[in-house]
Amino acid sequence: MADTEQTPDFETSLKRLEALVSQMEQGDMPIEDALKAFEEGIGLTRDCQAILDQAEQKVKVLVENRGAIEERPLNRDGISGDN
């Protein structure tokens, strides 16, 4: 059978990452477990960043231009680009 495992959504990944950080901050994990938690956390961080990057690319600002509405991509400063 094909692998049908899906990447968890942003909120699920973020909650898991927060739980891992909390566990690691307690400082009582064996080094092997801490390393595994760190590796999982890095993967979750990358997943969350990818989701945020995709969302940022989809965000558009609607701008009225002479009665017509046009879409302009939102730049990193949160300002619509001027042409």
PDB file of N, CA and C in Angstrom:
ATOM      1  N   MET A   1       0.832  -1.184   0.000  1.00  0.00           N
ATOM      2  CA  MET A   1       0.000   0.000   0.000  1.00  0.00           C
ATOM      3  C   MET A   1       0.873   1.242   0.000  1.00  0.00           C
ATOM      4  N   ALA A   2       0.348   2.296  -0.617  1.00  0.00           N
ATOM      5  CA  ALA A   2       1.089   3.549  -0.679  1.00  0.00           C
ATOM      6  C   ALA A   2       1.010   4.262   0.659  1.00  0.00           C
ATOM      7  N   ASP A   3       2.036   5.036   0.938  1.00  0.00           N
ATOM      8  CA  ASP A   3       2.080   5.814   2.174  1.00  0.00           C
ATOM      9  C   ASP A   3       1.128   6.991   2.036  1.00  0.00           C
ATOM     10  N   THR A   4       0.073   7.006   2.836  1.00  0.00           N
ATOM     11  CA  THR A   4      -0.928   8.068   2.750  1.00  0.00           C
ATOM     12  C   THR A   4      -0.827   9.039   3.913  1.00  0.00           C
ATOM     13  N   GLU A   5       0.277   8.987   4.651  1.00  0.00           N
ATOM     14  CA  GLU A   5       0.471   9.879   5.795  1.00  0.00           C
ATOM     15  C   GLU A   5       0.522  11.320   5.314  1.00  0.00           C
ATOM     16  N   GLN A   6      -0.272  12.187   5.959  1.00  0.00           N
ATOM     17  CA  GLN A   6      -0.320  13.593   5.592  1.00  0.00           C
ATOM     18  C   GLN A   6       0.442  14.414   6.621  1.00  0.00           C
ATOM     19  N   THR A   7       0.958  15.545   6.169  1.00  0.00           N
ATOM     20  CA  THR A   7       1.615  16.473   7.078  1.00  0.00           C
ATOM     21  C   THR A   7       0.546  17.109   7.960  1.00  0.00           C
ATOM     22  N   PRO A   8       0.766  17.156   9.278  1.00  0.00           N
ATOM     23  CA  PRO A   8      -0.225  17.773  10.164  1.00  0.00           C
ATOM     24  C   PRO A   8      -0.412  19.249   9.825  1.00  0.00           C
ATOM     25  N   ASP A   9      -1.564  19.798  10.193  1.00  0.00           N
ATOM     26  CA  ASP A   9      -1.803  21.213   9.948  1.00  0.00           C
ATOM     27  C   ASP A   9      -0.927  22.068  10.865  1.00  0.00           C
ATOM     28  N   PHE A  10      -0.935  23.363  10.622  1.00  0.00           N
ATOM     29  CA  PHE A  10      -0.059  24.283  11.338  1.00  0.00           C
ATOM     30  C   PHE A  10      -0.301  24.237  12.843  1.00  0.00           C
ATOM     31  N   GLU A  11      -1.563  24.310  13.245  1.00  0.00           N
ATOM     32  CA  GLU A  11      -1.884  24.354  14.670  1.00  0.00           C
ATOM     33  C   GLU A  11      -1.431  23.087  15.392  1.00  0.00           C
ATOM     34  N   THR A  12      -1.642  21.935  14.765  1.00  0.00           N
ATOM     35  CA  THR A  12      -1.228  20.659  15.361  1.00  0.00           C
ATOM     36  C   THR A  12       0.293  20.611  15.499  1.00  0.00           C
ATOM     37  N   SER A  13       0.992  21.020  14.449  1.00  0.00           N
ATOM     38  CA  SER A  13       2.458  21.024  14.481  1.00  0.00           C
ATOM     39  C   SER A  13       2.977  21.978  15.540  1.00  0.00           C
ATOM     40  N   LEU A  14       2.368  23.154  15.630  1.00  0.00           N
ATOM     41  CA  LEU A  14       2.820  24.148  16.603  1.00  0.00           C
ATOM     42  C   LEU A  14       2.587  23.668  18.037  1.00  0.00           C
ATOM     43  N   LYS A  15       1.444  23.045  18.297  1.00  0.00           N
ATOM     44  CA  LYS A  15       1.174  22.517  19.636  1.00  0.00           C
ATOM     45  C   LYS A  15       2.177  21.432  20.015  1.00  0.00           C
ATOM     46  N   ARG A  16       2.504  20.554  19.058  1.00  0.00           N
ATOM     47  CA  ARG A  16       3.484  19.502  19.324  1.00  0.00           C
ATOM     48  C   ARG A  16       4.858  20.119  19.593  1.00  0.00           C
ATOM     49  N   LEU A  17       5.211  21.127  18.818  1.00  0.00           N
ATOM     50  CA  LEU A  17       6.492  21.805  19.010  1.00  0.00           C
ATOM     51  C   LEU A  17       6.553  22.461  20.390  1.00  0.00           C
ATOM     52  N   GLU A  18       5.469  23.104  20.792  1.00  0.00           N
ATOM     53  CA  GLU A  18       5.426  23.729  22.125  1.00  0.00           C
ATOM     54  C   GLU A  18       5.575  22.675  23.227  1.00  0.00           C
ATOM     55  N   ALA A  19       4.948  21.510  23.044  1.00  0.00           N
ATOM     56  CA  ALA A  19       5.056  20.431  24.035  1.00  0.00           C
ATOM     57  C   ALA A  19       6.495  19.927  24.127  1.00  0.00           C
ATOM     58  N   LEU A  20       7.146  19.774  22.980  1.00  0.00           N
ATOM     59  CA  LEU A  20       8.538  19.321  22.975  1.00  0.00           C
ATOM     60  C   LEU A  20       9.443  20.319  23.690  1.00  0.00           C
ATOM     61  N   VAL A  21       9.246  21.592  23.403  1.00  0.00           N
ATOM     62  CA  VAL A  21      10.066  22.625  24.036  1.00  0.00           C
ATOM     63  C   VAL A  21       9.864  22.599  25.544  1.00  0.00           C
ATOM     64  N   SER A  22       8.621  22.464  25.972  1.00  0.00           N
ATOM     65  CA  SER A  22       8.324  22.413  27.404  1.00  0.00           C
ATOM     66  C   SER A  22       9.019  21.223  28.069  1.00  0.00           C
ATOM     67  N   GLN A  23       8.966  20.064  27.421  1.00  0.00           N
ATOM     68  CA  GLN A  23       9.624  18.873  27.960  1.00  0.00           C
ATOM     69  C   GLN A  23      11.133  19.065  28.055  1.00  0.00           C
ATOM     70  N   MET A  24      11.702  19.654  27.014  1.00  0.00           N
ATOM     71  CA  MET A  24      13.154  19.834  26.989  1.00  0.00           C
ATOM     72  C   MET A  24      13.598  20.882  28.008  1.00  0.00           C
ATOM     73  N   GLU A  25      12.772  21.902  28.232  1.00  0.00           N
ATOM     74  CA  GLU A  25      13.128  22.948  29.195  1.00  0.00           C
ATOM     75  C   GLU A  25      13.175  22.427  30.625  1.00  0.00           C
ATOM     76  N   GLN A  26      12.479  21.346  30.904  1.00  0.00           N
ATOM     77  CA  GLN A  26      12.505  20.777  32.250  1.00  0.00           C
ATOM     78  C   GLN A  26      13.891  20.232  32.576  1.00  0.00           C
ATOM     79  N   GLY A  27      14.640  19.833  31.563  1.00  0.00           N
ATOM     80  CA  GLY A  27      16.023  19.416  31.756  1.00  0.00           C
ATOM     81  C   GLY A  27      16.224  18.039  32.343  1.00  0.00           C
ATOM     82  N   ASP A  28      15.183  17.231  32.433  1.00  0.00           N
ATOM     83  CA  ASP A  28      15.349  15.911  33.040  1.00  0.00           C
ATOM     84  C   ASP A  28      15.225  14.769  32.023  1.00  0.00           C
ATOM     85  N   MET A  29      15.346  15.092  30.742  1.00  0.00           N
ATOM     86  CA  MET A  29      15.274  14.058  29.705  1.00  0.00           C
ATOM     87  C   MET A  29      16.653  13.424  29.521  1.00  0.00           C
ATOM     88  N   PRO A  30      16.695  12.124  29.328  1.00  0.00           N
ATOM     89  CA  PRO A  30      17.966  11.508  28.954  1.00  0.00           C
ATOM     90  C   PRO A  30      18.446  12.101  27.617  1.00  0.00           C
ATOM     91  N   ILE A  31      19.734  12.146  27.438  1.00  0.00           N
ATOM     92  CA  ILE A  31      20.306  12.795  26.257  1.00  0.00           C
ATOM     93  C   ILE A  31      19.766  12.209  24.951  1.00  0.00           C
ATOM     94  N   GLU A  32      19.547  10.896  24.912  1.00  0.00           N
ATOM     95  CA  GLU A  32      19.036  10.265  23.698  1.00  0.00           C
ATOM     96  C   GLU A  32      17.629  10.771  23.380  1.00  0.00           C
ATOM     97  N   ASP A  33      16.794  10.877  24.421  1.00  0.00           N
ATOM     98  CA  ASP A  33      15.434  11.376  24.231  1.00  0.00           C
ATOM     99  C   ASP A  33      15.434  12.854  23.853  1.00  0.00           C
ATOM    100  N   ALA A  34      16.330  13.629  24.462  1.00  0.00           N
ATOM    101  CA  ALA A  34      16.437  15.045  24.146  1.00  0.00           C
ATOM    102  C   ALA A  34      16.858  15.245  22.690  1.00  0.00           C
ATOM    103  N   LEU A  35      17.772  14.419  22.216  1.00  0.00           N
ATOM    104  CA  LEU A  35      18.211  14.517  20.825  1.00  0.00           C
ATOM    105  C   LEU A  35      17.071  14.177  19.877  1.00  0.00           C
ATOM    106  N   LYS A  36      16.315  13.134  20.195  1.00  0.00           N
ATOM    107  CA  LYS A  36      15.163  12.769  19.359  1.00  0.00           C
ATOM    108  C   LYS A  36      14.127  13.895  19.357  1.00  0.00           C
ATOM    109  N   ALA A  37      13.885  14.475  20.517  1.00  0.00           N
ATOM    110  CA  ALA A  37      12.924  15.579  20.609  1.00  0.00           C
ATOM    111  C   ALA A  37      13.416  16.779  19.809  1.00  0.00           C
ATOM    112  N   PHE A  38      14.705  17.057  19.881  1.00  0.00           N
ATOM    113  CA  PHE A  38      15.283  18.168  19.120  1.00  0.00           C
ATOM    114  C   PHE A  38      15.122  17.937  17.623  1.00  0.00           C
ATOM    115  N   GLU A  39      15.419  16.723  17.169  1.00  0.00           N
ATOM    116  CA  GLU A  39      15.281  16.396  15.747  1.00  0.00           C
ATOM    117  C   GLU A  39      13.834  16.534  15.289  1.00  0.00           C
ATOM    118  N   GLU A  40      12.892  16.059  16.110  1.00  0.00           N
ATOM    119  CA  GLU A  40      11.481  16.199  15.769  1.00  0.00           C
ATOM    120  C   GLU A  40      11.094  17.677  15.722  1.00  0.00           C
ATOM    121  N   GLY A  41      11.605  18.442  16.682  1.00  0.00           N
ATOM    122  CA  GLY A  41      11.315  19.873  16.724  1.00  0.00           C
ATOM    123  C   GLY A  41      11.815  20.611  15.493  1.00  0.00           C
ATOM    124  N   ILE A  42      12.995  20.246  15.020  1.00  0.00           N
ATOM    125  CA  ILE A  42      13.528  20.868  13.804  1.00  0.00           C
ATOM    126  C   ILE A  42      12.605  20.568  12.631  1.00  0.00           C
ATOM    127  N   GLY A  43      12.151  19.329  12.516  1.00  0.00           N
ATOM    128  CA  GLY A  43      11.232  18.958  11.441  1.00  0.00           C
ATOM    129  C   GLY A  43       9.915  19.721  11.534  1.00  0.00           C
ATOM    130  N   LEU A  44       9.389  19.846  12.748  1.00  0.00           N
ATOM    131  CA  LEU A  44       8.141  20.583  12.941  1.00  0.00           C
ATOM    132  C   LEU A  44       8.320  22.062  12.606  1.00  0.00           C
ATOM    133  N   THR A  45       9.466  22.624  12.979  1.00  0.00           N
ATOM    134  CA  THR A  45       9.752  24.020  12.661  1.00  0.00           C
ATOM    135  C   THR A  45       9.774  24.232  11.158  1.00  0.00           C
ATOM    136  N   ARG A  46      10.408  23.327  10.449  1.00  0.00           N
ATOM    137  CA  ARG A  46      10.455  23.423   8.976  1.00  0.00           C
ATOM    138  C   ARG A  46       9.059  23.294   8.376  1.00  0.00           C
ATOM    139  N   ASP A  47       8.256  22.360   8.903  1.00  0.00           N
ATOM    140  CA  ASP A  47       6.881  22.196   8.410  1.00  0.00           C
ATOM    141  C   ASP A  47       6.072  23.472   8.634  1.00  0.00           C
ATOM    142  N   CYS A  48       6.175  24.048   9.825  1.00  0.00           N
ATOM    143  CA  CYS A  48       5.436  25.272  10.139  1.00  0.00           C
ATOM    144  C   CYS A  48       5.882  26.423   9.236  1.00  0.00           C
ATOM    145  N   GLN A  49       7.181  26.549   9.025  1.00  0.00           N
ATOM    146  CA  GLN A  49       7.681  27.625   8.174  1.00  0.00           C
ATOM    147  C   GLN A  49       7.198  27.462   6.745  1.00  0.00           C
ATOM    148  N   ALA A  50       7.155  26.230   6.250  1.00  0.00           N
ATOM    149  CA  ALA A  50       6.668  25.974   4.890  1.00  0.00           C
ATOM    150  C   ALA A  50       5.193  26.361   4.768  1.00  0.00           C
ATOM    151  N   ILE A  51       4.404  26.037   5.782  1.00  0.00           N
ATOM    152  CA  ILE A  51       2.989  26.393   5.774  1.00  0.00           C
ATOM    153  C   ILE A  51       2.825  27.910   5.780  1.00  0.00           C
ATOM    154  N   LEU A  52       3.614  28.595   6.611  1.00  0.00           N
ATOM    155  CA  LEU A  52       3.547  30.059   6.663  1.00  0.00           C
ATOM    156  C   LEU A  52       3.990  30.688   5.346  1.00  0.00           C
ATOM    157  N   ASP A  53       5.024  30.136   4.724  1.00  0.00           N
ATOM    158  CA  ASP A  53       5.485  30.650   3.431  1.00  0.00           C
ATOM    159  C   ASP A  53       4.399  30.504   2.371  1.00  0.00           C
ATOM    160  N   GLN A  54       3.705  29.357   2.364  1.00  0.00           N
ATOM    161  CA  GLN A  54       2.622  29.142   1.400  1.00  0.00           C
ATOM    162  C   GLN A  54       1.487  30.132   1.639  1.00  0.00           C
ATOM    163  N   ALA A  55       1.147  30.363   2.892  1.00  0.00           N
ATOM    164  CA  ALA A  55       0.078  31.300   3.219  1.00  0.00           C
ATOM    165  C   ALA A  55       0.447  32.712   2.790  1.00  0.00           C
ATOM    166  N   GLU A  56       1.690  33.084   3.016  1.00  0.00           N
ATOM    167  CA  GLU A  56       2.142  34.427   2.639  1.00  0.00           C
ATOM    168  C   GLU A  56       2.030  34.633   1.134  1.00  0.00           C
ATOM    169  N   GLN A  57       2.363  33.619   0.364  1.00  0.00           N
ATOM    170  CA  GLN A  57       2.282  33.711  -1.089  1.00  0.00           C
ATOM    171  C   GLN A  57       0.844  33.864  -1.569  1.00  0.00           C
ATOM    172  N   LYS A  58      -0.113  33.337  -0.805  1.00  0.00           N
ATOM    173  CA  LYS A  58      -1.517  33.393  -1.204  1.00  0.00           C
ATOM    174  C   LYS A  58      -2.204  34.709  -0.830  1.00  0.00           C
ATOM    175  N   VAL A  59      -1.590  35.432   0.115  1.00  0.00           N
ATOM    176  CA  VAL A  59      -2.216  36.663   0.584  1.00  0.00           C
ATOM    177  C   VAL A  59      -2.112  37.730  -0.500  1.00  0.00           C
ATOM    178  N   LYS A  60      -3.250  38.317  -0.791  1.00  0.00           N
ATOM    179  CA  LYS A  60      -3.273  39.401  -1.771  1.00  0.00           C
ATOM    180  C   LYS A  60      -4.099  40.540  -1.205  1.00  0.00           C
ATOM    181  N   VAL A  61      -3.769  41.719  -1.640  1.00  0.00           N
ATOM    182  CA  VAL A  61      -4.490  42.897  -1.195  1.00  0.00           C
ATOM    183  C   VAL A  61      -5.371  43.379  -2.331  1.00  0.00           C
ATOM    184  N   LEU A  62      -6.635  43.607  -2.038  1.00  0.00           N
ATOM    185  CA  LEU A  62      -7.542  44.161  -3.032  1.00  0.00           C
ATOM    186  C   LEU A  62      -7.410  45.684  -3.020  1.00  0.00           C
ATOM    187  N   VAL A  63      -7.196  46.230  -4.190  1.00  0.00           N
ATOM    188  CA  VAL A  63      -6.988  47.660  -4.314  1.00  0.00           C
ATOM    189  C   VAL A  63      -7.979  48.209  -5.336  1.00  0.00           C
ATOM    190  N   GLU A  64      -8.646  49.310  -4.993  1.00  0.00           N
ATOM    191  CA  GLU A  64      -9.552  49.913  -5.953  1.00  0.00           C
ATOM    192  C   GLU A  64      -8.757  50.831  -6.865  1.00  0.00           C
ATOM    193  N   ASN A  65      -8.946  50.653  -8.171  1.00  0.00           N
ATOM    194  CA  ASN A  65      -8.230  51.434  -9.174  1.00  0.00           C
ATOM    195  C   ASN A  65      -9.236  51.913 -10.211  1.00  0.00           C
ATOM    196  N   ARG A  66      -9.670  53.159 -10.102  1.00  0.00           N
ATOM    197  CA  ARG A  66     -10.633  53.745 -11.034  1.00  0.00           C
ATOM    198  C   ARG A  66     -11.918  52.916 -11.118  1.00  0.00           C
ATOM    199  N   GLY A  67     -12.433  52.528 -10.001  1.00  0.00           N
ATOM    200  CA  GLY A  67     -13.683  51.789  -9.964  1.00  0.00           C
ATOM    201  C   GLY A  67     -13.539  50.292 -10.172  1.00  0.00           C
ATOM    202  N   ALA A  68     -12.396  49.840 -10.640  1.00  0.00           N
ATOM    203  CA  ALA A  68     -12.165  48.411 -10.844  1.00  0.00           C
ATOM    204  C   ALA A  68     -11.350  47.877  -9.672  1.00  0.00           C
ATOM    205  N   ILE A  69     -11.593  46.631  -9.320  1.00  0.00           N
ATOM    206  CA  ILE A  69     -10.824  46.019  -8.240  1.00  0.00           C
ATOM    207  C   ILE A  69      -9.756  45.128  -8.858  1.00  0.00           C
ATOM    208  N   GLU A  70      -8.537  45.311  -8.414  1.00  0.00           N
ATOM    209  CA  GLU A  70      -7.432  44.483  -8.899  1.00  0.00           C
ATOM    210  C   GLU A  70      -6.688  43.896  -7.715  1.00  0.00           C
ATOM    211  N   GLU A  71      -6.039  42.808  -7.945  1.00  0.00           N
ATOM    212  CA  GLU A  71      -5.270  42.156  -6.881  1.00  0.00           C
ATOM    213  C   GLU A  71      -3.805  42.506  -7.043  1.00  0.00           C
ATOM    214  N   ARG A  72      -3.181  42.824  -5.924  1.00  0.00           N
ATOM    215  CA  ARG A  72      -1.747  43.064  -5.908  1.00  0.00           C
ATOM    216  C   ARG A  72      -1.162  42.218  -4.794  1.00  0.00           C
ATOM    217  N   PRO A  73      -0.025  41.567  -5.036  1.00  0.00           N
ATOM    218  CA  PRO A  73       0.583  40.751  -3.984  1.00  0.00           C
ATOM    219  C   PRO A  73       1.041  41.620  -2.820  1.00  0.00           C
ATOM    220  N   LEU A  74       0.927  41.068  -1.640  1.00  0.00           N
ATOM    221  CA  LEU A  74       1.374  41.742  -0.436  1.00  0.00           C
ATOM    222  C   LEU A  74       2.860  41.491  -0.270  1.00  0.00           C
ATOM    223  N   ASN A  75       3.664  42.559  -0.121  1.00  0.00           N
ATOM    224  CA  ASN A  75       5.096  42.355   0.056  1.00  0.00           C
ATOM    225  C   ASN A  75       5.405  42.069   1.513  1.00  0.00           C
ATOM    226  N   ARG A  76       6.638  41.808   1.824  1.00  0.00           N
ATOM    227  CA  ARG A  76       7.032  41.410   3.182  1.00  0.00           C
ATOM    228  C   ARG A  76       6.789  42.492   4.224  1.00  0.00           C
ATOM    229  N   ASP A  77       6.675  43.758   3.795  1.00  0.00           N
ATOM    230  CA  ASP A  77       6.427  44.848   4.727  1.00  0.00           C
ATOM    231  C   ASP A  77       4.939  45.048   5.001  1.00  0.00           C
ATOM    232  N   GLY A  78       4.080  44.254   4.328  1.00  0.00           N
ATOM    233  CA  GLY A  78       2.656  44.353   4.521  1.00  0.00           C
ATOM    234  C   GLY A  78       2.020  45.455   3.697  1.00  0.00           C
ATOM    235  N   ILE A  79       2.732  45.947   2.689  1.00  0.00           N
ATOM    236  CA  ILE A  79       2.242  47.022   1.835  1.00  0.00           C
ATOM    237  C   ILE A  79       2.052  46.455   0.441  1.00  0.00           C
ATOM    238  N   SER A  80       0.934  46.834  -0.213  1.00  0.00           N
ATOM    239  CA  SER A  80       0.723  46.320  -1.560  1.00  0.00           C
ATOM    240  C   SER A  80       1.720  46.974  -2.496  1.00  0.00           C
ATOM    241  N   GLY A  81       2.190  46.193  -3.461  1.00  0.00           N
ATOM    242  CA  GLY A  81       3.163  46.684  -4.423  1.00  0.00           C
ATOM    243  C   GLY A  81       2.537  47.666  -5.377  1.00  0.00           C
ATOM    244  N   ASP A  82       3.236  48.743  -5.698  1.00  0.00           N
ATOM    245  CA  ASP A  82       2.756  49.727  -6.664  1.00  0.00           C
ATOM    246  C   ASP A  82       3.402  49.475  -8.007  1.00  0.00           C
ATOM    247  N   ASN A  83       2.600  49.539  -9.059  1.00  0.00           N
ATOM    248  CA  ASN A  83       3.125  49.342 -10.419  1.00  0.00           C
ATOM    249  C   ASN A  83       3.186  50.643 -11.148  1.00  0.00           C
TER     250      ASN A  83
END
